Structures are given as structure tokens and as C-alpha cells.
C-alpha atoms as a PDB file:
ATOM      1  CA  MET A   1      17.105   3.633 -61.879  1.00  0.00           C
ATOM      2  CA  ASP A   2      17.311   6.777 -59.895  1.00  0.00           C
ATOM      3  CA  TYR A   3      15.332   7.544 -56.745  1.00  0.00           C
ATOM      4  CA  LEU A   4      12.716   9.753 -58.402  1.00  0.00           C
ATOM      5  CA  SER A   5      11.711   7.268 -61.065  1.00  0.00           C
ATOM      6  CA  GLU A   6      11.492   4.437 -58.512  1.00  0.00           C
ATOM      7  CA  HIS A   7       9.234   6.369 -56.155  1.00  0.00           C
ATOM      8  CA  ILE A   8       7.237   8.640 -58.459  1.00  0.00           C
ATOM      9  CA  ILE A   9       3.863   7.193 -57.401  1.00  0.00           C
ATOM     10  CA  VAL A  10       4.521   7.563 -53.667  1.00  0.00           C
ATOM     11  CA  LEU A  11       5.921  11.059 -54.097  1.00  0.00           C
ATOM     12  CA  SER A  12       3.005  12.095 -56.333  1.00  0.00           C
ATOM     13  CA  LEU A  13       0.444  10.820 -53.845  1.00  0.00           C
ATOM     14  CA  THR A  14       2.243  12.615 -51.018  1.00  0.00           C
ATOM     15  CA  VAL A  15       2.262  15.899 -52.950  1.00  0.00           C
ATOM     16  CA  PHE A  16      -1.418  15.590 -53.970  1.00  0.00           C
ATOM     17  CA  TYR A  17      -2.430  14.676 -50.414  1.00  0.00           C
ATOM     18  CA  THR A  18      -0.545  17.663 -48.988  1.00  0.00           C
ATOM     19  CA  LEU A  19      -2.047  20.012 -51.566  1.00  0.00           C
ATOM     20  CA  GLY A  20      -5.506  18.599 -50.830  1.00  0.00           C
ATOM     21  CA  CYS A  21      -5.077  19.205 -47.095  1.00  0.00           C
ATOM     22  CA  LEU A  22      -3.914  22.761 -47.733  1.00  0.00           C
ATOM     23  CA  TYR A  23      -6.871  23.396 -50.041  1.00  0.00           C
ATOM     24  CA  ILE A  24      -9.369  22.054 -47.487  1.00  0.00           C
ATOM     25  CA  GLY A  25      -7.802  24.237 -44.784  1.00  0.00           C
ATOM     26  CA  TYR A  26      -7.922  27.292 -47.025  1.00  0.00           C
ATOM     27  CA  TYR A  27     -11.500  26.609 -48.157  1.00  0.00           C
ATOM     28  CA  PHE A  28     -12.887  26.150 -44.632  1.00  0.00           C
ATOM     29  CA  ARG A  29     -10.849  28.857 -42.896  1.00  0.00           C
ATOM     30  CA  LYS A  30     -13.873  31.180 -42.709  1.00  0.00           C
ATOM     31  CA  LYS A  31     -15.944  28.500 -40.993  1.00  0.00           C
ATOM     32  CA  ALA A  32     -13.355  27.996 -38.262  1.00  0.00           C
ATOM     33  CA  ALA A  33     -14.549  28.268 -34.692  1.00  0.00           C
ATOM     34  CA  SER A  34     -14.160  31.547 -32.882  1.00  0.00           C
ATOM     35  CA  ASP A  35     -14.737  30.265 -29.335  1.00  0.00           C
ATOM     36  CA  VAL A  36     -13.699  27.319 -27.158  1.00  0.00           C
ATOM     37  CA  GLU A  37     -16.963  25.392 -27.536  1.00  0.00           C
ATOM     38  CA  GLY A  38     -16.811  25.701 -31.302  1.00  0.00           C
ATOM     39  CA  TYR A  39     -13.180  24.610 -31.400  1.00  0.00           C
ATOM     40  CA  TYR A  40     -13.474  21.549 -29.171  1.00  0.00           C
ATOM     41  CA  ILE A  41     -16.941  20.223 -29.954  1.00  0.00           C
ATOM     42  CA  ALA A  42     -18.264  22.255 -32.913  1.00  0.00           C
ATOM     43  CA  LYS A  43     -21.007  23.688 -30.709  1.00  0.00           C
ATOM     44  CA  ARG A  44     -22.336  20.121 -30.205  1.00  0.00           C
ATOM     45  CA  SER A  45     -23.614  20.004 -33.779  1.00  0.00           C
ATOM     46  CA  ILE A  46     -21.556  17.169 -35.286  1.00  0.00           C
ATOM     47  CA  PRO A  47     -23.767  14.328 -36.560  1.00  0.00           C
ATOM     48  CA  GLY A  48     -23.111  10.800 -35.332  1.00  0.00           C
ATOM     49  CA  TRP A  49     -21.863   9.538 -38.678  1.00  0.00           C
ATOM     50  CA  VAL A  50     -19.138  12.207 -38.716  1.00  0.00           C
ATOM     51  CA  VAL A  51     -18.087  11.239 -35.194  1.00  0.00           C
ATOM     52  CA  SER A  52     -17.938   7.584 -36.241  1.00  0.00           C
ATOM     53  CA  LEU A  53     -15.764   8.449 -39.261  1.00  0.00           C
ATOM     54  CA  ALA A  54     -13.474  10.507 -37.035  1.00  0.00           C
ATOM     55  CA  PHE A  55     -13.224   7.616 -34.582  1.00  0.00           C
ATOM     56  CA  PHE A  56     -12.431   5.169 -37.372  1.00  0.00           C
ATOM     57  CA  SER A  57      -9.813   7.430 -38.929  1.00  0.00           C
ATOM     58  CA  THR A  58      -8.202   7.896 -35.520  1.00  0.00           C
ATOM     59  CA  SER A  59      -8.065   4.174 -34.843  1.00  0.00           C
ATOM     60  CA  ALA A  60      -6.945   3.296 -38.387  1.00  0.00           C
ATOM     61  CA  SER A  61      -3.294   4.154 -37.920  1.00  0.00           C
ATOM     62  CA  THR A  62       0.058   2.457 -38.116  1.00  0.00           C
ATOM     63  CA  ASN A  63      -0.629   1.060 -34.650  1.00  0.00           C
ATOM     64  CA  THR A  64      -3.557  -0.835 -36.122  1.00  0.00           C
ATOM     65  CA  TYR A  65      -2.167  -1.873 -39.473  1.00  0.00           C
ATOM     66  CA  ILE A  66       1.429  -2.590 -38.515  1.00  0.00           C
ATOM     67  CA  GLY A  67       1.461  -3.092 -34.744  1.00  0.00           C
ATOM     68  CA  GLN A  68      -1.632  -5.264 -34.380  1.00  0.00           C
ATOM     69  CA  ALA A  69      -0.786  -7.275 -37.479  1.00  0.00           C
ATOM     70  CA  GLY A  70       2.773  -7.857 -36.266  1.00  0.00           C
ATOM     71  CA  ILE A  71       1.723  -8.886 -32.782  1.00  0.00           C
ATOM     72  CA  SER A  72      -0.995 -11.142 -34.213  1.00  0.00           C
ATOM     73  CA  PHE A  73       1.604 -12.805 -36.429  1.00  0.00           C
ATOM     74  CA  LYS A  74       3.983 -13.219 -33.491  1.00  0.00           C
ATOM     75  CA  TYR A  75       1.465 -14.524 -30.924  1.00  0.00           C
ATOM     76  CA  GLY A  76      -1.046 -16.165 -33.228  1.00  0.00           C
ATOM     77  CA  LEU A  77      -4.808 -16.368 -33.146  1.00  0.00           C
ATOM     78  CA  SER A  78      -5.027 -15.619 -29.426  1.00  0.00           C
ATOM     79  CA  TRP A  79      -3.900 -12.032 -30.054  1.00  0.00           C
ATOM     80  CA  ALA A  80      -5.939 -11.696 -33.243  1.00  0.00           C
ATOM     81  CA  TRP A  81      -9.053 -11.961 -31.073  1.00  0.00           C
ATOM     82  CA  MET A  82      -8.134  -8.569 -29.596  1.00  0.00           C
ATOM     83  CA  GLY A  83      -9.584  -6.856 -32.672  1.00  0.00           C
ATOM     84  CA  LEU A  84     -12.955  -8.501 -32.105  1.00  0.00           C
ATOM     85  CA  ILE A  85     -12.877  -7.738 -28.389  1.00  0.00           C
ATOM     86  CA  TRP A  86     -11.952  -4.120 -29.165  1.00  0.00           C
ATOM     87  CA  ALA A  87     -14.860  -3.793 -31.621  1.00  0.00           C
ATOM     88  CA  ILE A  88     -17.339  -5.270 -29.117  1.00  0.00           C
ATOM     89  CA  PHE A  89     -16.237  -2.914 -26.356  1.00  0.00           C
ATOM     90  CA  CYS A  90     -16.408   0.062 -28.729  1.00  0.00           C
ATOM     91  CA  VAL A  91     -20.039  -0.735 -29.540  1.00  0.00           C
ATOM     92  CA  ILE A  92     -20.853  -1.270 -25.859  1.00  0.00           C
ATOM     93  CA  SER A  93     -19.263   2.039 -24.899  1.00  0.00           C
ATOM     94  CA  TRP A  94     -21.060   3.892 -27.707  1.00  0.00           C
ATOM     95  CA  GLN A  95     -24.428   2.419 -26.729  1.00  0.00           C
ATOM     96  CA  LEU A  96     -24.158   2.489 -22.928  1.00  0.00           C
ATOM     97  CA  LEU A  97     -21.676   5.191 -22.008  1.00  0.00           C
ATOM     98  CA  GLY A  98     -21.950   7.559 -24.972  1.00  0.00           C
ATOM     99  CA  PRO A  99     -25.541   8.784 -24.570  1.00  0.00           C
ATOM    100  CA  ARG A 100     -25.191   9.201 -20.818  1.00  0.00           C
ATOM    101  CA  MET A 101     -21.850  10.979 -21.162  1.00  0.00           C
ATOM    102  CA  ARG A 102     -23.367  13.264 -23.806  1.00  0.00           C
ATOM    103  CA  LEU A 103     -26.140  14.321 -21.419  1.00  0.00           C
ATOM    104  CA  HIS A 104     -23.723  14.937 -18.542  1.00  0.00           C
ATOM    105  CA  THR A 105     -21.268  16.961 -20.618  1.00  0.00           C
ATOM    106  CA  ALA A 106     -24.066  19.106 -22.067  1.00  0.00           C
ATOM    107  CA  ARG A 107     -25.514  19.736 -18.609  1.00  0.00           C
ATOM    108  CA  LEU A 108     -22.118  20.576 -17.100  1.00  0.00           C
ATOM    109  CA  LYS A 109     -20.947  22.479 -20.202  1.00  0.00           C
ATOM    110  CA  SER A 110     -17.678  20.562 -20.237  1.00  0.00           C
ATOM    111  CA  PHE A 111     -15.604  20.179 -23.387  1.00  0.00           C
ATOM    112  CA  THR A 112     -12.877  17.738 -22.363  1.00  0.00           C
ATOM    113  CA  ILE A 113     -12.638  14.698 -20.118  1.00  0.00           C
ATOM    114  CA  PRO A 114     -10.539  16.604 -17.527  1.00  0.00           C
ATOM    115  CA  ASP A 115     -13.171  19.383 -17.551  1.00  0.00           C
ATOM    116  CA  TYR A 116     -15.895  16.795 -17.066  1.00  0.00           C
ATOM    117  CA  PHE A 117     -14.166  15.250 -14.037  1.00  0.00           C
ATOM    118  CA  HIS A 118     -13.541  18.677 -12.537  1.00  0.00           C
ATOM    119  CA  LEU A 119     -17.145  19.834 -12.944  1.00  0.00           C
ATOM    120  CA  ARG A 120     -18.779  16.486 -12.121  1.00  0.00           C
ATOM    121  CA  TYR A 121     -17.053  15.836  -8.804  1.00  0.00           C
ATOM    122  CA  LYS A 122     -17.401  18.904  -6.650  1.00  0.00           C
ATOM    123  CA  SER A 123     -14.908  18.104  -3.935  1.00  0.00           C
ATOM    124  CA  SER A 124     -11.536  19.206  -2.694  1.00  0.00           C
ATOM    125  CA  LEU A 125     -10.028  16.587  -5.006  1.00  0.00           C
ATOM    126  CA  ALA A 126     -11.744  17.901  -8.153  1.00  0.00           C
ATOM    127  CA  GLN A 127      -8.728  19.884  -9.343  1.00  0.00           C
ATOM    128  CA  SER A 128      -6.404  16.964  -8.564  1.00  0.00           C
ATOM    129  CA  ILE A 129      -8.624  14.581 -10.545  1.00  0.00           C
ATOM    130  CA  ARG A 130      -8.644  17.040 -13.428  1.00  0.00           C
ATOM    131  CA  ILE A 131      -4.848  17.300 -13.447  1.00  0.00           C
ATOM    132  CA  LEU A 132      -4.386  13.536 -13.076  1.00  0.00           C
ATOM    133  CA  SER A 133      -6.726  12.801 -15.984  1.00  0.00           C
ATOM    134  CA  ALA A 134      -4.939  15.387 -18.142  1.00  0.00           C
ATOM    135  CA  VAL A 135      -1.565  13.812 -17.295  1.00  0.00           C
ATOM    136  CA  VAL A 136      -2.872  10.312 -18.106  1.00  0.00           C
ATOM    137  CA  ILE A 137      -4.223  11.546 -21.455  1.00  0.00           C
ATOM    138  CA  LEU A 138      -0.954  13.350 -22.191  1.00  0.00           C
ATOM    139  CA  PHE A 139       1.240  10.313 -21.489  1.00  0.00           C
ATOM    140  CA  ALA A 140      -1.085   7.954 -23.362  1.00  0.00           C
ATOM    141  CA  THR A 141      -1.016  10.303 -26.343  1.00  0.00           C
ATOM    142  CA  ILE A 142       2.779  10.516 -26.269  1.00  0.00           C
ATOM    143  CA  TRP A 143       3.101   6.700 -26.297  1.00  0.00           C
ATOM    144  CA  TYR A 144       0.471   6.431 -29.021  1.00  0.00           C
ATOM    145  CA  MET A 145       2.236   9.023 -31.178  1.00  0.00           C
ATOM    146  CA  ALA A 146       5.574   7.275 -30.616  1.00  0.00           C
ATOM    147  CA  GLY A 147       4.037   4.070 -31.960  1.00  0.00           C
ATOM    148  CA  ILE A 148       2.660   5.904 -34.969  1.00  0.00           C
ATOM    149  CA  ALA A 149       6.019   7.561 -35.662  1.00  0.00           C
ATOM    150  CA  LYS A 150       7.768   4.192 -35.441  1.00  0.00           C
ATOM    151  CA  GLY A 151       5.202   2.636 -37.777  1.00  0.00           C
ATOM    152  CA  CYS A 152       5.616   5.487 -40.259  1.00  0.00           C
ATOM    153  CA  ALA A 153       9.382   5.026 -40.084  1.00  0.00           C
ATOM    154  CA  HIS A 154       8.985   1.324 -40.932  1.00  0.00           C
ATOM    155  CA  VAL A 155       6.692   2.152 -43.850  1.00  0.00           C
ATOM    156  CA  LEU A 156       9.062   4.820 -45.179  1.00  0.00           C
ATOM    157  CA  GLU A 157      12.011   2.466 -44.727  1.00  0.00           C
ATOM    158  CA  SER A 158      10.331  -0.186 -46.836  1.00  0.00           C
ATOM    159  CA  VAL A 159       9.313   2.327 -49.518  1.00  0.00           C
ATOM    160  CA  MET A 160      12.637   4.108 -49.738  1.00  0.00           C
END
């Protein structure tokens, strides 16, 4: 069998997914934000269920499905409990920190966590805290994306 006939389903799904993403982008291009507030936080008009779906889709990545499963297999049930602990702390943060953070960010008109720290703490260190938080987010994102890229490479390796 040649490559195309072996992988026709995966290739078809990839093509349809890409075309679907392009169509959605084309369809909603007129509704795109024209200012910073609209771009970052959709003018604070996103319903909670959309935020929860976005959170789930962000956390449902190769880190979750490959990394957590692999580490759970390697270390056993003790590591598998991390999923439950993670879920509990997510609910706690949504219920305790989320509403309060929402009020503070609306009052301060901040769009990002570094903006929030800068506007919340009016001191000589405010700019330093803002830069430090941006650097922490940047490095955490780089490591997270590296894990996702590695997971995607493992998936593609097993498919191809």
C-alpha cells in the first residue's frame, strides 16, 4: 500500500479541519475587534459557558492526553490523582478568585495579568512586577508549547 491509501482518513480530516478553520475566519472577519479591549476580552461580553469551553479546549491538549497519561502510567495511581486535584483547584479558583478578579479588572480597566499587576499595585515596583509577570507567562507558554509540539510529533510519528 502506498502512503496516501494508508492515511486517507487522517489526511481528509486534516484538510476538512483546515478548510473549516479558514471558513470560520472568513465568515467572522467583519465581526473582528477594532480596539484593544475588543481583541483581548471581547468588550467583556463573553458568556461564562464560552469561557468554560475555551478553558477546556486549552487544557485538552497533547500535554493532557499524552503527557499526563504517560506519567500516570509510569508513576501509577499516585500521579493519576493529579487530575482530580487539578479539577478541584480549577473549581475553587473559578468560584473564589474569578468573580473577585473580574471586578478588579473591570474597575482598573486591565486586559492582561501584567496590566492588572501594574495598575493594581501603585508603587515604584509596579513596572517591575508587570515585566516579571510577563516574563513568567512568556517562559511558561514556551515550555507549554514545547510539550504540545513534542506530543504532536509523537502522534504524527505513530500515524505516519
